[in-house]
């Protein structure tokens, strides 16, 4: 195991989804798996061999324990998951196809994490000997208490000399753009590495990429350079990473990313993906970015590794990116043939 220690904080959710491409209204059965932004990042990092610790709160009953077991299965350290509350947050996923988009319905009110308090987490202990802390904009969106807990975690991480990353991950079903902007403005003062997609910077901070239309699937590189520069100047981030998704249809996307280190811009190669499951695609990018950063990769190598990791995730059912370091390195190195490995 790599000696580097990464902490992530967020909600593990139960995912209920119809089989294949069935719609909610026609499904007789729903498959049950677990996932969630920060948990997905944690699983990626555990698969790469890092000491990956997920901090959350889950009920002590069997459904909560099944969630803990799902993480342990892939080597995630669950020592700091507090136990309490009555329910696991749920999200229902209807997988899109062709020109029909995927759909998510949340059922997460009053979940175990949503009813957590500061007494559930001893941040000074959690961050002992830690190297990295990651959270997303989803967690503070749940309620004001979670926003305060994220702030406490960020402050404790900085006091411990830990690098902090945040994926803006705006979800309009959880909070308004105005509330998101206010809360994330405060949290981002403690963030070193900012991860965003083509819409987050606009929705949360009103920073727009010029000549880009995400619904039309057009991406303008110069526009994203300007977005990254504005984000870096506003919050003094050491690094800004922006994923660039060009949506041809629900099944076919072009996928690439850009890294800005305050001086130079680095664009990855572009992958044309035929999608099996896109949920967790951004989280797998974050996991790859953190892993490559901790391994000391140069900027171009770093962004290539992160994009390759997330490209592979789009081929895997479920939230978790179940790929090895070697598989990511092979794709990042240029072998995108998909030929059978014997």
C-alpha atoms as a PDB file:
ATOM      1  CA  UNK A   1       0.000   0.000   0.000  1.00  0.00           C
ATOM      2  CA  UNK A   2       1.173   3.534  -0.794  1.00  0.00           C
ATOM      3  CA  UNK A   3       1.994   5.364   2.438  1.00  0.00           C
ATOM      4  CA  UNK A   4       0.098   8.487   1.367  1.00  0.00           C
ATOM      5  CA  UNK A   5      -3.092   8.999   3.400  1.00  0.00           C
ATOM      6  CA  UNK A   6      -6.178  10.597   1.841  1.00  0.00           C
ATOM      7  CA  UNK A   7      -9.345  11.667   3.673  1.00  0.00           C
ATOM      8  CA  UNK A   8     -12.678  12.246   1.949  1.00  0.00           C
ATOM      9  CA  UNK A   9     -15.893  13.452   3.615  1.00  0.00           C
ATOM     10  CA  UNK A  10     -19.396  13.033   2.256  1.00  0.00           C
ATOM     11  CA  UNK A  11     -22.521  10.916   2.020  1.00  0.00           C
ATOM     12  CA  UNK A  12     -22.640   7.291   0.945  1.00  0.00           C
ATOM     13  CA  UNK A  13     -25.948   6.673  -0.801  1.00  0.00           C
ATOM     14  CA  UNK A  14     -27.971   3.672  -1.820  1.00  0.00           C
ATOM     15  CA  UNK A  15     -28.451   3.679  -5.589  1.00  0.00           C
ATOM     16  CA  UNK A  16     -31.623   2.071  -6.915  1.00  0.00           C
ATOM     17  CA  UNK A  17     -31.852   1.667 -10.677  1.00  0.00           C
ATOM     18  CA  UNK A  18     -33.973  -0.197 -13.224  1.00  0.00           C
ATOM     19  CA  UNK A  19     -32.231  -2.908 -15.196  1.00  0.00           C
ATOM     20  CA  UNK A  20     -30.524  -1.778 -18.384  1.00  0.00           C
ATOM     21  CA  UNK A  21     -32.247   1.136 -20.064  1.00  0.00           C
ATOM     22  CA  UNK A  22     -35.726   0.638 -18.610  1.00  0.00           C
ATOM     23  CA  UNK A  23     -37.650   3.684 -17.465  1.00  0.00           C
ATOM     24  CA  UNK A  24     -38.800   4.049 -13.869  1.00  0.00           C
ATOM     25  CA  UNK A  25     -42.439   3.519 -14.796  1.00  0.00           C
ATOM     26  CA  UNK A  26     -41.815   0.199 -16.517  1.00  0.00           C
ATOM     27  CA  UNK A  27     -39.368  -1.363 -14.046  1.00  0.00           C
ATOM     28  CA  UNK A  28     -40.502  -4.324 -11.939  1.00  0.00           C
ATOM     29  CA  UNK A  29     -37.160  -4.602 -10.127  1.00  0.00           C
ATOM     30  CA  UNK A  30     -34.459  -2.156  -9.072  1.00  0.00           C
ATOM     31  CA  UNK A  31     -30.811  -3.082  -8.626  1.00  0.00           C
ATOM     32  CA  UNK A  32     -29.214  -1.849  -5.385  1.00  0.00           C
ATOM     33  CA  UNK A  33     -25.633  -0.601  -5.207  1.00  0.00           C
ATOM     34  CA  UNK A  34     -23.832   2.113  -3.230  1.00  0.00           C
ATOM     35  CA  UNK A  35     -22.081   5.297  -4.275  1.00  0.00           C
ATOM     36  CA  UNK A  36     -21.644   9.007  -3.733  1.00  0.00           C
ATOM     37  CA  UNK A  37     -19.176  11.684  -4.800  1.00  0.00           C
ATOM     38  CA  UNK A  38     -16.531  11.475  -2.106  1.00  0.00           C
ATOM     39  CA  UNK A  39     -16.988   7.732  -1.600  1.00  0.00           C
ATOM     40  CA  UNK A  40     -16.366   7.194  -5.319  1.00  0.00           C
ATOM     41  CA  UNK A  41     -13.093   9.130  -5.062  1.00  0.00           C
ATOM     42  CA  UNK A  42     -12.115   7.051  -2.034  1.00  0.00           C
ATOM     43  CA  UNK A  43     -12.663   3.762  -3.859  1.00  0.00           C
ATOM     44  CA  UNK A  44     -10.575   4.947  -6.812  1.00  0.00           C
ATOM     45  CA  UNK A  45      -7.681   5.831  -4.536  1.00  0.00           C
ATOM     46  CA  UNK A  46      -7.920   2.549  -2.635  1.00  0.00           C
ATOM     47  CA  UNK A  47      -7.760   0.686  -5.956  1.00  0.00           C
ATOM     48  CA  UNK A  48      -4.571   2.606  -6.778  1.00  0.00           C
ATOM     49  CA  UNK A  49      -3.036   1.386  -3.519  1.00  0.00           C
ATOM     50  CA  UNK A  50      -3.377   4.481  -1.324  1.00  0.00           C
ATOM     51  CA  UNK A  51      -4.510   4.559   2.311  1.00  0.00           C
ATOM     52  CA  UNK A  52      -7.950   5.888   1.537  1.00  0.00           C
ATOM     53  CA  UNK A  53     -10.241   6.929   4.425  1.00  0.00           C
ATOM     54  CA  UNK A  54     -13.923   7.749   4.016  1.00  0.00           C
ATOM     55  CA  UNK A  55     -15.519   9.909   6.711  1.00  0.00           C
ATOM     56  CA  UNK A  56     -19.299   9.905   6.959  1.00  0.00           C
ATOM     57  CA  UNK A  57     -22.243   8.791   9.117  1.00  0.00           C
ATOM     58  CA  UNK A  58     -24.425   5.743   8.506  1.00  0.00           C
ATOM     59  CA  UNK A  59     -27.162   3.993  10.504  1.00  0.00           C
ATOM     60  CA  UNK A  60     -26.160   1.040  12.648  1.00  0.00           C
ATOM     61  CA  UNK A  61     -28.801  -1.200  11.025  1.00  0.00           C
ATOM     62  CA  UNK A  62     -28.145  -3.705   8.244  1.00  0.00           C
ATOM     63  CA  UNK A  63     -28.626  -1.305   5.319  1.00  0.00           C
ATOM     64  CA  UNK A  64     -26.050   1.024   6.806  1.00  0.00           C
ATOM     65  CA  UNK A  65     -23.709  -1.892   7.413  1.00  0.00           C
ATOM     66  CA  UNK A  66     -24.135  -3.041   3.827  1.00  0.00           C
ATOM     67  CA  UNK A  67     -22.878   0.368   2.760  1.00  0.00           C
ATOM     68  CA  UNK A  68     -19.842   0.061   5.010  1.00  0.00           C
ATOM     69  CA  UNK A  69     -19.201  -3.410   3.595  1.00  0.00           C
ATOM     70  CA  UNK A  70     -19.401  -2.081   0.017  1.00  0.00           C
ATOM     71  CA  UNK A  71     -16.525   0.281   0.786  1.00  0.00           C
ATOM     72  CA  UNK A  72     -14.477  -2.277   2.708  1.00  0.00           C
ATOM     73  CA  UNK A  73     -14.752  -4.648  -0.231  1.00  0.00           C
ATOM     74  CA  UNK A  74     -12.462  -2.371  -2.213  1.00  0.00           C
ATOM     75  CA  UNK A  75     -10.021  -1.587   0.592  1.00  0.00           C
ATOM     76  CA  UNK A  76     -11.415   1.722   1.869  1.00  0.00           C
ATOM     77  CA  UNK A  77     -10.677   2.486   5.533  1.00  0.00           C
ATOM     78  CA  UNK A  78     -14.069   2.963   7.239  1.00  0.00           C
ATOM     79  CA  UNK A  79     -12.731   3.583  10.768  1.00  0.00           C
ATOM     80  CA  UNK A  80     -14.124   7.125  10.918  1.00  0.00           C
ATOM     81  CA  UNK A  81     -17.645   6.426   9.706  1.00  0.00           C
ATOM     82  CA  UNK A  82     -19.849   7.457  12.631  1.00  0.00           C
ATOM     83  CA  UNK A  83     -22.857   5.260  13.288  1.00  0.00           C
ATOM     84  CA  UNK A  84     -26.260   6.753  13.987  1.00  0.00           C
ATOM     85  CA  UNK A  85     -29.408   8.118  12.400  1.00  0.00           C
ATOM     86  CA  UNK A  86     -32.312   6.186  10.918  1.00  0.00           C
ATOM     87  CA  UNK A  87     -31.812   6.002   7.191  1.00  0.00           C
ATOM     88  CA  UNK A  88     -29.371   5.810   4.317  1.00  0.00           C
ATOM     89  CA  UNK A  89     -29.822   8.481   1.655  1.00  0.00           C
ATOM     90  CA  UNK A  90     -31.202   7.080  -1.593  1.00  0.00           C
ATOM     91  CA  UNK A  91     -30.987   8.139  -5.189  1.00  0.00           C
ATOM     92  CA  UNK A  92     -32.891   6.591  -8.057  1.00  0.00           C
ATOM     93  CA  UNK A  93     -31.151   6.464 -11.429  1.00  0.00           C
ATOM     94  CA  UNK A  94     -32.816   6.030 -14.806  1.00  0.00           C
ATOM     95  CA  UNK A  95     -30.096   5.495 -17.391  1.00  0.00           C
ATOM     96  CA  UNK A  96     -30.503   7.552 -20.560  1.00  0.00           C
ATOM     97  CA  UNK A  97     -29.998   6.317 -24.106  1.00  0.00           C
ATOM     98  CA  UNK A  98     -29.529   8.010 -27.458  1.00  0.00           C
ATOM     99  CA  UNK A  99     -31.222  11.420 -27.232  1.00  0.00           C
ATOM    100  CA  UNK A 100     -33.041  10.612 -23.956  1.00  0.00           C
ATOM    101  CA  UNK A 101     -31.009  11.891 -20.991  1.00  0.00           C
ATOM    102  CA  UNK A 102     -30.401  10.059 -17.743  1.00  0.00           C
ATOM    103  CA  UNK A 103     -32.544  11.090 -14.794  1.00  0.00           C
ATOM    104  CA  UNK A 104     -31.830  11.176 -11.045  1.00  0.00           C
ATOM    105  CA  UNK A 105     -34.428  11.418  -8.263  1.00  0.00           C
ATOM    106  CA  UNK A 106     -33.151  12.082  -4.725  1.00  0.00           C
ATOM    107  CA  UNK A 107     -34.657  10.676  -1.549  1.00  0.00           C
ATOM    108  CA  UNK A 108     -32.089  11.764   1.002  1.00  0.00           C
ATOM    109  CA  UNK A 109     -33.874  14.090   3.442  1.00  0.00           C
ATOM    110  CA  UNK A 110     -33.075  13.346   7.112  1.00  0.00           C
ATOM    111  CA  UNK A 111     -30.439  10.785   6.195  1.00  0.00           C
ATOM    112  CA  UNK A 112     -27.826   9.719   8.725  1.00  0.00           C
ATOM    113  CA  UNK A 113     -25.282  12.230   7.433  1.00  0.00           C
ATOM    114  CA  UNK A 114     -27.860  15.006   7.056  1.00  0.00           C
ATOM    115  CA  UNK A 115     -28.638  14.673  10.782  1.00  0.00           C
ATOM    116  CA  UNK A 116     -24.976  14.515  11.862  1.00  0.00           C
ATOM    117  CA  UNK A 117     -23.425  16.939  14.348  1.00  0.00           C
ATOM    118  CA  UNK A 118     -19.928  18.175  15.133  1.00  0.00           C
ATOM    119  CA  UNK A 119     -19.710  15.586  17.923  1.00  0.00           C
ATOM    120  CA  UNK A 120     -19.625  12.790  15.326  1.00  0.00           C
ATOM    121  CA  UNK A 121     -16.191  13.758  13.982  1.00  0.00           C
ATOM    122  CA  UNK A 122     -12.887  14.519  15.704  1.00  0.00           C
ATOM    123  CA  UNK A 123     -11.136  16.286  12.853  1.00  0.00           C
ATOM    124  CA  UNK A 124      -7.811  16.710  14.636  1.00  0.00           C
ATOM    125  CA  UNK A 125      -7.579  12.944  15.069  1.00  0.00           C
ATOM    126  CA  UNK A 126      -8.827  12.235  11.552  1.00  0.00           C
ATOM    127  CA  UNK A 127      -6.184  14.451   9.943  1.00  0.00           C
ATOM    128  CA  UNK A 128      -3.244  13.077  11.926  1.00  0.00           C
ATOM    129  CA  UNK A 129      -0.498  12.177   9.416  1.00  0.00           C
ATOM    130  CA  UNK A 130      -2.889  12.811   6.502  1.00  0.00           C
ATOM    131  CA  UNK A 131      -1.602  14.082   3.151  1.00  0.00           C
ATOM    132  CA  UNK A 132      -4.789  15.109   1.327  1.00  0.00           C
ATOM    133  CA  UNK A 133      -8.409  16.050   2.050  1.00  0.00           C
ATOM    134  CA  UNK A 134     -11.152  15.976  -0.582  1.00  0.00           C
ATOM    135  CA  UNK A 135     -14.792  17.042  -0.504  1.00  0.00           C
ATOM    136  CA  UNK A 136     -17.361  18.157  -3.063  1.00  0.00           C
ATOM    137  CA  UNK A 137     -20.011  20.846  -3.316  1.00  0.00           C
ATOM    138  CA  UNK A 138     -22.658  18.170  -2.783  1.00  0.00           C
ATOM    139  CA  UNK A 139     -21.957  17.749   0.934  1.00  0.00           C
ATOM    140  CA  UNK A 140     -22.368  21.385   2.053  1.00  0.00           C
ATOM    141  CA  UNK A 141     -25.483  21.555  -0.131  1.00  0.00           C
ATOM    142  CA  UNK A 142     -27.329  19.107   2.130  1.00  0.00           C
ATOM    143  CA  UNK A 143     -27.957  21.648   4.899  1.00  0.00           C
ATOM    144  CA  UNK A 144     -26.314  24.409   6.940  1.00  0.00           C
ATOM    145  CA  UNK A 145     -24.929  21.962   9.499  1.00  0.00           C
ATOM    146  CA  UNK A 146     -23.089  20.022   6.798  1.00  0.00           C
ATOM    147  CA  UNK A 147     -21.755  23.280   5.379  1.00  0.00           C
ATOM    148  CA  UNK A 148     -20.407  24.110   8.844  1.00  0.00           C
ATOM    149  CA  UNK A 149     -18.907  20.620   9.188  1.00  0.00           C
ATOM    150  CA  UNK A 150     -17.139  21.023   5.839  1.00  0.00           C
ATOM    151  CA  UNK A 151     -15.758  24.350   7.030  1.00  0.00           C
ATOM    152  CA  UNK A 152     -14.532  22.773  10.277  1.00  0.00           C
ATOM    153  CA  UNK A 153     -12.886  19.990   8.292  1.00  0.00           C
ATOM    154  CA  UNK A 154     -11.183  22.428   5.914  1.00  0.00           C
ATOM    155  CA  UNK A 155      -9.818  24.507   8.800  1.00  0.00           C
ATOM    156  CA  UNK A 156      -8.530  21.409  10.599  1.00  0.00           C
ATOM    157  CA  UNK A 157      -6.947  20.141   7.386  1.00  0.00           C
ATOM    158  CA  UNK A 158      -5.103  23.420   6.812  1.00  0.00           C
ATOM    159  CA  UNK A 159      -3.934  23.498  10.446  1.00  0.00           C
ATOM    160  CA  UNK A 160      -2.528  19.995   9.910  1.00  0.00           C
ATOM    161  CA  UNK A 161      -0.731  21.055   6.724  1.00  0.00           C
ATOM    162  CA  UNK A 162      -2.951  18.885   4.517  1.00  0.00           C
ATOM    163  CA  UNK A 163      -3.599  19.671   0.839  1.00  0.00           C
ATOM    164  CA  UNK A 164      -7.313  20.353   0.229  1.00  0.00           C
ATOM    165  CA  UNK A 165      -9.181  19.650  -2.999  1.00  0.00           C
ATOM    166  CA  UNK A 166     -12.788  20.376  -3.870  1.00  0.00           C
ATOM    167  CA  UNK A 167     -14.962  19.358  -6.794  1.00  0.00           C
ATOM    168  CA  UNK A 168     -17.546  22.149  -7.133  1.00  0.00           C
ATOM    169  CA  UNK A 169     -20.200  19.609  -8.245  1.00  0.00           C
ATOM    170  CA  UNK A 170     -23.224  21.933  -8.332  1.00  0.00           C
ATOM    171  CA  UNK A 171     -26.572  20.129  -7.974  1.00  0.00           C
ATOM    172  CA  UNK A 172     -29.595  22.329  -8.636  1.00  0.00           C
ATOM    173  CA  UNK A 173     -31.921  19.820  -6.952  1.00  0.00           C
ATOM    174  CA  UNK A 174     -30.098  20.408  -3.652  1.00  0.00           C
ATOM    175  CA  UNK A 175     -29.691  24.193  -3.450  1.00  0.00           C
ATOM    176  CA  UNK A 176     -29.941  27.441  -5.352  1.00  0.00           C
ATOM    177  CA  UNK A 177     -27.115  29.043  -7.294  1.00  0.00           C
ATOM    178  CA  UNK A 178     -27.197  31.981  -4.889  1.00  0.00           C
ATOM    179  CA  UNK A 179     -26.814  29.779  -1.799  1.00  0.00           C
ATOM    180  CA  UNK A 180     -24.150  27.677  -3.484  1.00  0.00           C
ATOM    181  CA  UNK A 181     -22.141  30.759  -4.403  1.00  0.00           C
ATOM    182  CA  UNK A 182     -22.253  32.135  -0.865  1.00  0.00           C
ATOM    183  CA  UNK A 183     -21.284  28.888   0.867  1.00  0.00           C
ATOM    184  CA  UNK A 184     -18.654  27.781  -1.624  1.00  0.00           C
ATOM    185  CA  UNK A 185     -17.090  31.256  -1.634  1.00  0.00           C
ATOM    186  CA  UNK A 186     -16.293  30.726   2.043  1.00  0.00           C
ATOM    187  CA  UNK A 187     -15.110  27.127   1.704  1.00  0.00           C
ATOM    188  CA  UNK A 188     -12.904  27.777  -1.305  1.00  0.00           C
ATOM    189  CA  UNK A 189     -10.684  30.071   0.778  1.00  0.00           C
ATOM    190  CA  UNK A 190      -9.193  26.851   2.182  1.00  0.00           C
ATOM    191  CA  UNK A 191      -8.941  24.918  -1.095  1.00  0.00           C
ATOM    192  CA  UNK A 192      -5.674  24.288  -2.933  1.00  0.00           C
ATOM    193  CA  UNK A 193      -6.923  22.228  -5.892  1.00  0.00           C
ATOM    194  CA  UNK A 194     -10.238  23.101  -7.543  1.00  0.00           C
ATOM    195  CA  UNK A 195     -12.029  20.660  -9.855  1.00  0.00           C
ATOM    196  CA  UNK A 196     -14.937  21.802 -11.995  1.00  0.00           C
ATOM    197  CA  UNK A 197     -16.848  20.824 -15.119  1.00  0.00           C
ATOM    198  CA  UNK A 198     -18.217  22.880 -17.978  1.00  0.00           C
ATOM    199  CA  UNK A 199     -21.142  24.225 -15.921  1.00  0.00           C
ATOM    200  CA  UNK A 200     -19.984  24.418 -12.297  1.00  0.00           C
ATOM    201  CA  UNK A 201     -17.968  27.629 -12.516  1.00  0.00           C
ATOM    202  CA  UNK A 202     -20.907  29.333 -14.179  1.00  0.00           C
ATOM    203  CA  UNK A 203     -23.583  28.017 -11.813  1.00  0.00           C
ATOM    204  CA  UNK A 204     -21.672  28.585  -8.572  1.00  0.00           C
ATOM    205  CA  UNK A 205     -19.540  31.665  -9.247  1.00  0.00           C
ATOM    206  CA  UNK A 206     -21.012  33.189 -12.408  1.00  0.00           C
ATOM    207  CA  UNK A 207     -17.794  32.583 -14.359  1.00  0.00           C
ATOM    208  CA  UNK A 208     -18.648  31.652 -17.947  1.00  0.00           C
ATOM    209  CA  UNK A 209     -16.692  30.011 -20.742  1.00  0.00           C
ATOM    210  CA  UNK A 210     -17.030  32.113 -23.878  1.00  0.00           C
ATOM    211  CA  UNK A 211     -18.410  30.554 -27.078  1.00  0.00           C
ATOM    212  CA  UNK A 212     -19.291  27.271 -25.369  1.00  0.00           C
ATOM    213  CA  UNK A 213     -22.671  25.548 -25.443  1.00  0.00           C
ATOM    214  CA  UNK A 214     -22.823  22.368 -23.356  1.00  0.00           C
ATOM    215  CA  UNK A 215     -26.171  21.345 -24.821  1.00  0.00           C
ATOM    216  CA  UNK A 216     -24.812  21.643 -28.346  1.00  0.00           C
ATOM    217  CA  UNK A 217     -21.638  19.821 -27.360  1.00  0.00           C
ATOM    218  CA  UNK A 218     -19.252  22.607 -28.353  1.00  0.00           C
ATOM    219  CA  UNK A 219     -16.159  23.445 -26.323  1.00  0.00           C
ATOM    220  CA  UNK A 220     -13.969  26.517 -26.768  1.00  0.00           C
ATOM    221  CA  UNK A 221     -10.492  26.061 -25.312  1.00  0.00           C
ATOM    222  CA  UNK A 222      -9.766  29.768 -24.957  1.00  0.00           C
ATOM    223  CA  UNK A 223     -12.981  30.214 -22.999  1.00  0.00           C
ATOM    224  CA  UNK A 224     -11.956  27.562 -20.494  1.00  0.00           C
ATOM    225  CA  UNK A 225      -8.511  29.061 -20.118  1.00  0.00           C
ATOM    226  CA  UNK A 226     -10.227  32.264 -19.052  1.00  0.00           C
ATOM    227  CA  UNK A 227     -12.493  30.385 -16.608  1.00  0.00           C
ATOM    228  CA  UNK A 228      -9.516  28.660 -14.986  1.00  0.00           C
ATOM    229  CA  UNK A 229      -7.587  31.916 -14.760  1.00  0.00           C
ATOM    230  CA  UNK A 230     -10.522  33.708 -13.120  1.00  0.00           C
ATOM    231  CA  UNK A 231     -11.005  30.900 -10.596  1.00  0.00           C
ATOM    232  CA  UNK A 232      -7.305  30.858  -9.743  1.00  0.00           C
ATOM    233  CA  UNK A 233      -7.114  34.615  -9.335  1.00  0.00           C
ATOM    234  CA  UNK A 234     -10.244  34.764  -7.204  1.00  0.00           C
ATOM    235  CA  UNK A 235      -9.245  32.073  -4.705  1.00  0.00           C
ATOM    236  CA  UNK A 236      -5.494  31.682  -5.190  1.00  0.00           C
ATOM    237  CA  UNK A 237      -5.855  27.989  -6.019  1.00  0.00           C
ATOM    238  CA  UNK A 238      -2.570  26.250  -6.738  1.00  0.00           C
ATOM    239  CA  UNK A 239      -4.287  24.174  -9.437  1.00  0.00           C
ATOM    240  CA  UNK A 240      -7.537  24.335 -11.383  1.00  0.00           C
ATOM    241  CA  UNK A 241      -8.703  21.282 -13.333  1.00  0.00           C
ATOM    242  CA  UNK A 242     -11.694  21.468 -15.669  1.00  0.00           C
ATOM    243  CA  UNK A 243     -13.276  18.463 -17.343  1.00  0.00           C
ATOM    244  CA  UNK A 244     -14.530  19.044 -20.889  1.00  0.00           C
ATOM    245  CA  UNK A 245     -17.498  16.901 -21.863  1.00  0.00           C
ATOM    246  CA  UNK A 246     -18.851  17.191 -25.402  1.00  0.00           C
ATOM    247  CA  UNK A 247     -22.217  15.432 -25.407  1.00  0.00           C
ATOM    248  CA  UNK A 248     -23.084  13.909 -28.750  1.00  0.00           C
ATOM    249  CA  UNK A 249     -25.862  11.865 -27.156  1.00  0.00           C
ATOM    250  CA  UNK A 250     -26.559  10.095 -23.856  1.00  0.00           C
ATOM    251  CA  UNK A 251     -24.476   7.165 -25.133  1.00  0.00           C
ATOM    252  CA  UNK A 252     -21.630   8.936 -26.893  1.00  0.00           C
ATOM    253  CA  UNK A 253     -19.453  11.703 -25.485  1.00  0.00           C
ATOM    254  CA  UNK A 254     -16.085  13.205 -26.252  1.00  0.00           C
ATOM    255  CA  UNK A 255     -14.068  13.549 -23.047  1.00  0.00           C
ATOM    256  CA  UNK A 256     -10.975  15.583 -22.233  1.00  0.00           C
ATOM    257  CA  UNK A 257      -9.732  18.004 -19.594  1.00  0.00           C
ATOM    258  CA  UNK A 258      -7.559  21.009 -18.905  1.00  0.00           C
ATOM    259  CA  UNK A 259      -5.141  21.759 -16.063  1.00  0.00           C
ATOM    260  CA  UNK A 260      -3.994  25.242 -15.059  1.00  0.00           C
ATOM    261  CA  UNK A 261      -1.185  25.657 -12.520  1.00  0.00           C
ATOM    262  CA  UNK A 262      -1.194  29.446 -12.347  1.00  0.00           C
ATOM    263  CA  UNK A 263       1.358  29.740 -15.133  1.00  0.00           C
ATOM    264  CA  UNK A 264       0.621  27.303 -17.938  1.00  0.00           C
ATOM    265  CA  UNK A 265      -2.335  25.432 -19.424  1.00  0.00           C
ATOM    266  CA  UNK A 266      -2.236  21.704 -20.152  1.00  0.00           C
ATOM    267  CA  UNK A 267      -4.847  19.977 -22.319  1.00  0.00           C
ATOM    268  CA  UNK A 268      -5.269  16.212 -22.350  1.00  0.00           C
ATOM    269  CA  UNK A 269      -5.922  14.070 -25.375  1.00  0.00           C
ATOM    270  CA  UNK A 270      -9.597  13.623 -26.273  1.00  0.00           C
ATOM    271  CA  UNK A 271     -11.377  10.288 -25.937  1.00  0.00           C
ATOM    272  CA  UNK A 272     -14.481   9.343 -27.860  1.00  0.00           C
ATOM    273  CA  UNK A 273     -16.495   7.263 -25.392  1.00  0.00           C
ATOM    274  CA  UNK A 274     -19.406   4.907 -25.878  1.00  0.00           C
ATOM    275  CA  UNK A 275     -20.902   5.064 -22.397  1.00  0.00           C
ATOM    276  CA  UNK A 276     -21.911   2.146 -20.216  1.00  0.00           C
ATOM    277  CA  UNK A 277     -22.505   4.261 -17.066  1.00  0.00           C
ATOM    278  CA  UNK A 278     -21.514   7.908 -16.716  1.00  0.00           C
ATOM    279  CA  UNK A 279     -22.340   8.300 -12.997  1.00  0.00           C
ATOM    280  CA  UNK A 280     -19.108   8.823 -11.091  1.00  0.00           C
ATOM    281  CA  UNK A 281     -17.217   9.997 -14.167  1.00  0.00           C
ATOM    282  CA  UNK A 282     -16.220  13.278 -12.554  1.00  0.00           C
ATOM    283  CA  UNK A 283     -15.347  11.552  -9.279  1.00  0.00           C
ATOM    284  CA  UNK A 284     -13.039   9.140 -11.075  1.00  0.00           C
ATOM    285  CA  UNK A 285     -11.340  12.153 -12.644  1.00  0.00           C
ATOM    286  CA  UNK A 286     -10.857  13.614  -9.158  1.00  0.00           C
ATOM    287  CA  UNK A 287      -9.461  10.333  -7.869  1.00  0.00           C
ATOM    288  CA  UNK A 288      -7.027  10.162 -10.768  1.00  0.00           C
ATOM    289  CA  UNK A 289      -5.980  13.776 -10.274  1.00  0.00           C
ATOM    290  CA  UNK A 290      -5.277  13.233  -6.570  1.00  0.00           C
ATOM    291  CA  UNK A 291      -3.384   9.996  -7.213  1.00  0.00           C
ATOM    292  CA  UNK A 292      -1.205  11.517  -9.925  1.00  0.00           C
ATOM    293  CA  UNK A 293      -0.524  14.582  -7.769  1.00  0.00           C
ATOM    294  CA  UNK A 294       0.597  12.449  -4.828  1.00  0.00           C
ATOM    295  CA  UNK A 295       2.825  10.416  -7.133  1.00  0.00           C
ATOM    296  CA  UNK A 296       4.564  13.599  -8.228  1.00  0.00           C
ATOM    297  CA  UNK A 297       3.563  13.499 -11.888  1.00  0.00           C
ATOM    298  CA  UNK A 298       4.424  16.450 -14.102  1.00  0.00           C
ATOM    299  CA  UNK A 299       1.379  18.540 -15.136  1.00  0.00           C
ATOM    300  CA  UNK A 300       0.876  16.970 -18.588  1.00  0.00           C
ATOM    301  CA  UNK A 301       1.263  13.441 -17.199  1.00  0.00           C
ATOM    302  CA  UNK A 302      -1.098  14.349 -14.373  1.00  0.00           C
ATOM    303  CA  UNK A 303      -3.950  15.507 -16.573  1.00  0.00           C
ATOM    304  CA  UNK A 304      -3.492  12.547 -18.943  1.00  0.00           C
ATOM    305  CA  UNK A 305      -3.721  10.103 -16.027  1.00  0.00           C
ATOM    306  CA  UNK A 306      -6.851  11.747 -14.593  1.00  0.00           C
ATOM    307  CA  UNK A 307      -8.668  11.803 -17.946  1.00  0.00           C
ATOM    308  CA  UNK A 308      -7.703   8.220 -18.757  1.00  0.00           C
ATOM    309  CA  UNK A 309      -9.002   7.085 -15.353  1.00  0.00           C
ATOM    310  CA  UNK A 310     -12.333   8.804 -15.868  1.00  0.00           C
ATOM    311  CA  UNK A 311     -12.604   7.575 -19.458  1.00  0.00           C
ATOM    312  CA  UNK A 312     -12.326   3.996 -18.194  1.00  0.00           C
ATOM    313  CA  UNK A 313     -14.978   4.657 -15.537  1.00  0.00           C
ATOM    314  CA  UNK A 314     -17.549   5.389 -18.235  1.00  0.00           C
ATOM    315  CA  UNK A 315     -17.218   1.732 -19.257  1.00  0.00           C
ATOM    316  CA  UNK A 316     -18.087   0.358 -15.796  1.00  0.00           C
ATOM    317  CA  UNK A 317     -21.519  -0.202 -14.238  1.00  0.00           C
ATOM    318  CA  UNK A 318     -22.117   1.462 -10.874  1.00  0.00           C
ATOM    319  CA  UNK A 319     -20.662   4.521  -9.176  1.00  0.00           C
ATOM    320  CA  UNK A 320     -17.220   3.088  -8.385  1.00  0.00           C
ATOM    321  CA  UNK A 321     -14.265   3.186 -10.774  1.00  0.00           C
ATOM    322  CA  UNK A 322     -12.968  -0.371 -10.528  1.00  0.00           C
ATOM    323  CA  UNK A 323      -9.716  -0.041 -12.440  1.00  0.00           C
ATOM    324  CA  UNK A 324      -6.094  -0.594 -11.499  1.00  0.00           C
ATOM    325  CA  UNK A 325      -3.140   1.747 -11.746  1.00  0.00           C
ATOM    326  CA  UNK A 326      -1.708  -0.350 -14.594  1.00  0.00           C
ATOM    327  CA  UNK A 327      -4.938  -0.137 -16.613  1.00  0.00           C
ATOM    328  CA  UNK A 328      -5.004   3.650 -16.325  1.00  0.00           C
ATOM    329  CA  UNK A 329      -1.327   3.973 -17.208  1.00  0.00           C
ATOM    330  CA  UNK A 330      -1.797   1.799 -20.278  1.00  0.00           C
ATOM    331  CA  UNK A 331      -4.620   3.971 -21.622  1.00  0.00           C
ATOM    332  CA  UNK A 332      -2.829   7.207 -20.678  1.00  0.00           C
ATOM    333  CA  UNK A 333       0.193   5.870 -22.530  1.00  0.00           C
ATOM    334  CA  UNK A 334      -1.762   5.657 -25.760  1.00  0.00           C
ATOM    335  CA  UNK A 335      -3.231   2.129 -25.917  1.00  0.00           C
ATOM    336  CA  UNK A 336      -6.928   2.828 -26.490  1.00  0.00           C
ATOM    337  CA  UNK A 337      -7.494  -0.213 -28.710  1.00  0.00           C
ATOM    338  CA  UNK A 338      -9.654  -2.147 -26.245  1.00  0.00           C
ATOM    339  CA  UNK A 339      -8.093  -5.373 -27.513  1.00  0.00           C
ATOM    340  CA  UNK A 340      -8.505  -8.500 -25.418  1.00  0.00           C
ATOM    341  CA  UNK A 341      -5.747  -8.927 -22.837  1.00  0.00           C
ATOM    342  CA  UNK A 342      -4.504 -12.519 -22.767  1.00  0.00           C
END
